Amino acid sequence: MGDMMTKVPTEVTDAIRDGRSVSDARLEALRAFACRAWTPAA
C-alpha cells in the first residue's frame, strides 16, 4: 500500500524495510538519515 501512495518503486521500499541500501542516491541519503534518527543513542 505504501508503494502505491508514495509512487516509490517496490524494490526501494523493500530495501528500506529490510535495512538494505538503495541504488537511488537521494533515497539512500534519506534512508540513511532516517535510520540514524530512529536508532537510539548508545
PDB file of N, CA and C in Angstrom:
ATOM      1  N   MET A   1       0.815  -1.186   0.000  1.00  0.00           N
ATOM      2  CA  MET A   1       0.000   0.000   0.000  1.00  0.00           C
ATOM      3  C   MET A   1       0.863   1.257   0.000  1.00  0.00           C
ATOM      4  N   GLY A   2       1.918   1.282   0.776  1.00  0.00           N
ATOM      5  CA  GLY A   2       2.799   2.438   0.804  1.00  0.00           C
ATOM      6  C   GLY A   2       3.443   2.710  -0.543  1.00  0.00           C
ATOM      7  N   ASP A   3       3.712   1.645  -1.294  1.00  0.00           N
ATOM      8  CA  ASP A   3       4.305   1.809  -2.614  1.00  0.00           C
ATOM      9  C   ASP A   3       3.376   2.599  -3.528  1.00  0.00           C
ATOM     10  N   MET A   4       2.099   2.303  -3.483  1.00  0.00           N
ATOM     11  CA  MET A   4       1.138   2.982  -4.340  1.00  0.00           C
ATOM     12  C   MET A   4       0.950   4.435  -3.911  1.00  0.00           C
ATOM     13  N   MET A   5       0.944   4.691  -2.627  1.00  0.00           N
ATOM     14  CA  MET A   5       0.711   6.049  -2.128  1.00  0.00           C
ATOM     15  C   MET A   5       1.898   6.966  -2.411  1.00  0.00           C
ATOM     16  N   THR A   6       3.106   6.447  -2.298  1.00  0.00           N
ATOM     17  CA  THR A   6       4.292   7.279  -2.472  1.00  0.00           C
ATOM     18  C   THR A   6       4.833   7.258  -3.892  1.00  0.00           C
ATOM     19  N   LYS A   7       4.379   6.310  -4.688  1.00  0.00           N
ATOM     20  CA  LYS A   7       4.871   6.135  -6.060  1.00  0.00           C
ATOM     21  C   LYS A   7       6.362   5.805  -6.083  1.00  0.00           C
ATOM     22  N   VAL A   8       6.844   5.206  -5.011  1.00  0.00           N
ATOM     23  CA  VAL A   8       8.225   4.747  -4.932  1.00  0.00           C
ATOM     24  C   VAL A   8       8.244   3.297  -5.403  1.00  0.00           C
ATOM     25  N   PRO A   9       9.229   2.911  -6.211  1.00  0.00           N
ATOM     26  CA  PRO A   9       9.294   1.532  -6.679  1.00  0.00           C
ATOM     27  C   PRO A   9       9.310   0.525  -5.519  1.00  0.00           C
ATOM     28  N   THR A  10       8.676  -0.597  -5.732  1.00  0.00           N
ATOM     29  CA  THR A  10       8.600  -1.649  -4.715  1.00  0.00           C
ATOM     30  C   THR A  10       9.985  -2.079  -4.250  1.00  0.00           C
ATOM     31  N   GLU A  11      10.948  -2.136  -5.161  1.00  0.00           N
ATOM     32  CA  GLU A  11      12.306  -2.556  -4.799  1.00  0.00           C
ATOM     33  C   GLU A  11      12.905  -1.610  -3.750  1.00  0.00           C
ATOM     34  N   VAL A  12      12.586  -0.333  -3.871  1.00  0.00           N
ATOM     35  CA  VAL A  12      13.122   0.656  -2.933  1.00  0.00           C
ATOM     36  C   VAL A  12      12.485   0.486  -1.557  1.00  0.00           C
ATOM     37  N   THR A  13      11.171   0.380  -1.507  1.00  0.00           N
ATOM     38  CA  THR A  13      10.525   0.226  -0.199  1.00  0.00           C
ATOM     39  C   THR A  13      10.907  -1.100   0.454  1.00  0.00           C
ATOM     40  N   ASP A  14      11.072  -2.148  -0.337  1.00  0.00           N
ATOM     41  CA  ASP A  14      11.510  -3.432   0.215  1.00  0.00           C
ATOM     42  C   ASP A  14      12.917  -3.307   0.806  1.00  0.00           C
ATOM     43  N   ALA A  15      13.800  -2.628   0.101  1.00  0.00           N
ATOM     44  CA  ALA A  15      15.165  -2.448   0.593  1.00  0.00           C
ATOM     45  C   ALA A  15      15.160  -1.644   1.891  1.00  0.00           C
ATOM     46  N   ILE A  16      14.344  -0.599   1.947  1.00  0.00           N
ATOM     47  CA  ILE A  16      14.264   0.216   3.162  1.00  0.00           C
ATOM     48  C   ILE A  16      13.753  -0.613   4.330  1.00  0.00           C
ATOM     49  N   ARG A  17      12.702  -1.383   4.092  1.00  0.00           N
ATOM     50  CA  ARG A  17      12.140  -2.228   5.161  1.00  0.00           C
ATOM     51  C   ARG A  17      13.131  -3.286   5.633  1.00  0.00           C
ATOM     52  N   ASP A  18      13.965  -3.787   4.702  1.00  0.00           N
ATOM     53  CA  ASP A  18      14.932  -4.835   5.028  1.00  0.00           C
ATOM     54  C   ASP A  18      16.247  -4.288   5.577  1.00  0.00           C
ATOM     55  N   GLY A  19      16.395  -2.955   5.580  1.00  0.00           N
ATOM     56  CA  GLY A  19      17.628  -2.359   6.074  1.00  0.00           C
ATOM     57  C   GLY A  19      18.768  -2.398   5.084  1.00  0.00           C
ATOM     58  N   ARG A  20      18.441  -2.609   3.809  1.00  0.00           N
ATOM     59  CA  ARG A  20      19.471  -2.630   2.762  1.00  0.00           C
ATOM     60  C   ARG A  20      19.606  -1.245   2.151  1.00  0.00           C
ATOM     61  N   SER A  21      20.763  -0.980   1.515  1.00  0.00           N
ATOM     62  CA  SER A  21      20.944   0.305   0.858  1.00  0.00           C
ATOM     63  C   SER A  21      20.129   0.357  -0.432  1.00  0.00           C
ATOM     64  N   VAL A  22      19.898   1.593  -0.890  1.00  0.00           N
ATOM     65  CA  VAL A  22      19.060   1.856  -2.051  1.00  0.00           C
ATOM     66  C   VAL A  22      19.946   2.407  -3.165  1.00  0.00           C
ATOM     67  N   SER A  23      19.679   2.030  -4.406  1.00  0.00           N
ATOM     68  CA  SER A  23      20.528   2.457  -5.522  1.00  0.00           C
ATOM     69  C   SER A  23      20.360   3.934  -5.866  1.00  0.00           C
ATOM     70  N   ASP A  24      19.195   4.519  -5.619  1.00  0.00           N
ATOM     71  CA  ASP A  24      18.962   5.936  -5.894  1.00  0.00           C
ATOM     72  C   ASP A  24      19.656   6.769  -4.816  1.00  0.00           C
ATOM     73  N   ALA A  25      20.551   7.666  -5.213  1.00  0.00           N
ATOM     74  CA  ALA A  25      21.366   8.427  -4.254  1.00  0.00           C
ATOM     75  C   ALA A  25      20.518   9.279  -3.317  1.00  0.00           C
ATOM     76  N   ARG A  26      19.507   9.938  -3.833  1.00  0.00           N
ATOM     77  CA  ARG A  26      18.655  10.788  -2.978  1.00  0.00           C
ATOM     78  C   ARG A  26      17.893   9.958  -1.960  1.00  0.00           C
ATOM     79  N   LEU A  27      17.319   8.847  -2.408  1.00  0.00           N
ATOM     80  CA  LEU A  27      16.568   7.997  -1.488  1.00  0.00           C
ATOM     81  C   LEU A  27      17.488   7.307  -0.489  1.00  0.00           C
ATOM     82  N   GLU A  28      18.700   6.990  -0.911  1.00  0.00           N
ATOM     83  CA  GLU A  28      19.665   6.383   0.011  1.00  0.00           C
ATOM     84  C   GLU A  28      20.047   7.376   1.105  1.00  0.00           C
ATOM     85  N   ALA A  29      20.240   8.642   0.736  1.00  0.00           N
ATOM     86  CA  ALA A  29      20.556   9.662   1.734  1.00  0.00           C
ATOM     87  C   ALA A  29      19.406   9.806   2.730  1.00  0.00           C
ATOM     88  N   LEU A  30      18.185   9.788   2.238  1.00  0.00           N
ATOM     89  CA  LEU A  30      17.019   9.877   3.115  1.00  0.00           C
ATOM     90  C   LEU A  30      16.915   8.654   4.010  1.00  0.00           C
ATOM     91  N   ARG A  31      17.159   7.472   3.451  1.00  0.00           N
ATOM     92  CA  ARG A  31      17.112   6.237   4.234  1.00  0.00           C
ATOM     93  C   ARG A  31      18.162   6.261   5.343  1.00  0.00           C
ATOM     94  N   ALA A  32      19.377   6.682   5.002  1.00  0.00           N
ATOM     95  CA  ALA A  32      20.462   6.723   5.988  1.00  0.00           C
ATOM     96  C   ALA A  32      20.147   7.732   7.093  1.00  0.00           C
ATOM     97  N   PHE A  33      19.610   8.892   6.718  1.00  0.00           N
ATOM     98  CA  PHE A  33      19.247   9.909   7.705  1.00  0.00           C
ATOM     99  C   PHE A  33      18.165   9.380   8.641  1.00  0.00           C
ATOM    100  N   ALA A  34      17.132   8.788   8.082  1.00  0.00           N
ATOM    101  CA  ALA A  34      16.025   8.277   8.894  1.00  0.00           C
ATOM    102  C   ALA A  34      16.498   7.147   9.799  1.00  0.00           C
ATOM    103  N   CYS A  35      17.380   6.337   9.295  1.00  0.00           N
ATOM    104  CA  CYS A  35      17.905   5.224  10.087  1.00  0.00           C
ATOM    105  C   CYS A  35      18.674   5.753  11.302  1.00  0.00           C
ATOM    106  N   ARG A  36      19.480   6.784  11.096  1.00  0.00           N
ATOM    107  CA  ARG A  36      20.221   7.390  12.211  1.00  0.00           C
ATOM    108  C   ARG A  36      19.259   8.067  13.193  1.00  0.00           C
ATOM    109  N   ALA A  37      18.234   8.700  12.665  1.00  0.00           N
ATOM    110  CA  ALA A  37      17.288   9.431  13.514  1.00  0.00           C
ATOM    111  C   ALA A  37      16.493   8.477  14.411  1.00  0.00           C
ATOM    112  N   TRP A  38      16.221   7.281  13.934  1.00  0.00           N
ATOM    113  CA  TRP A  38      15.403   6.334  14.697  1.00  0.00           C
ATOM    114  C   TRP A  38      16.209   5.333  15.494  1.00  0.00           C
ATOM    115  N   THR A  39      17.531   5.404  15.388  1.00  0.00           N
ATOM    116  CA  THR A  39      18.386   4.491  16.140  1.00  0.00           C
ATOM    117  C   THR A  39      18.733   5.144  17.479  1.00  0.00           C
ATOM    118  N   PRO A  40      18.431   4.469  18.593  1.00  0.00           N
ATOM    119  CA  PRO A  40      18.717   5.062  19.904  1.00  0.00           C
ATOM    120  C   PRO A  40      20.216   5.294  20.090  1.00  0.00           C
ATOM    121  N   ALA A  41      20.557   6.371  20.755  1.00  0.00           N
ATOM    122  CA  ALA A  41      21.967   6.687  21.045  1.00  0.00           C
ATOM    123  C   ALA A  41      22.507   5.691  22.057  1.00  0.00           C
ATOM    124  N   ALA A  42      23.750   5.342  21.883  1.00  0.00           N
ATOM    125  CA  ALA A  42      24.378   4.375  22.788  1.00  0.00           C
ATOM    126  C   ALA A  42      24.884   5.040  24.031  1.00  0.00           C
TER     127      ALA A  42
END
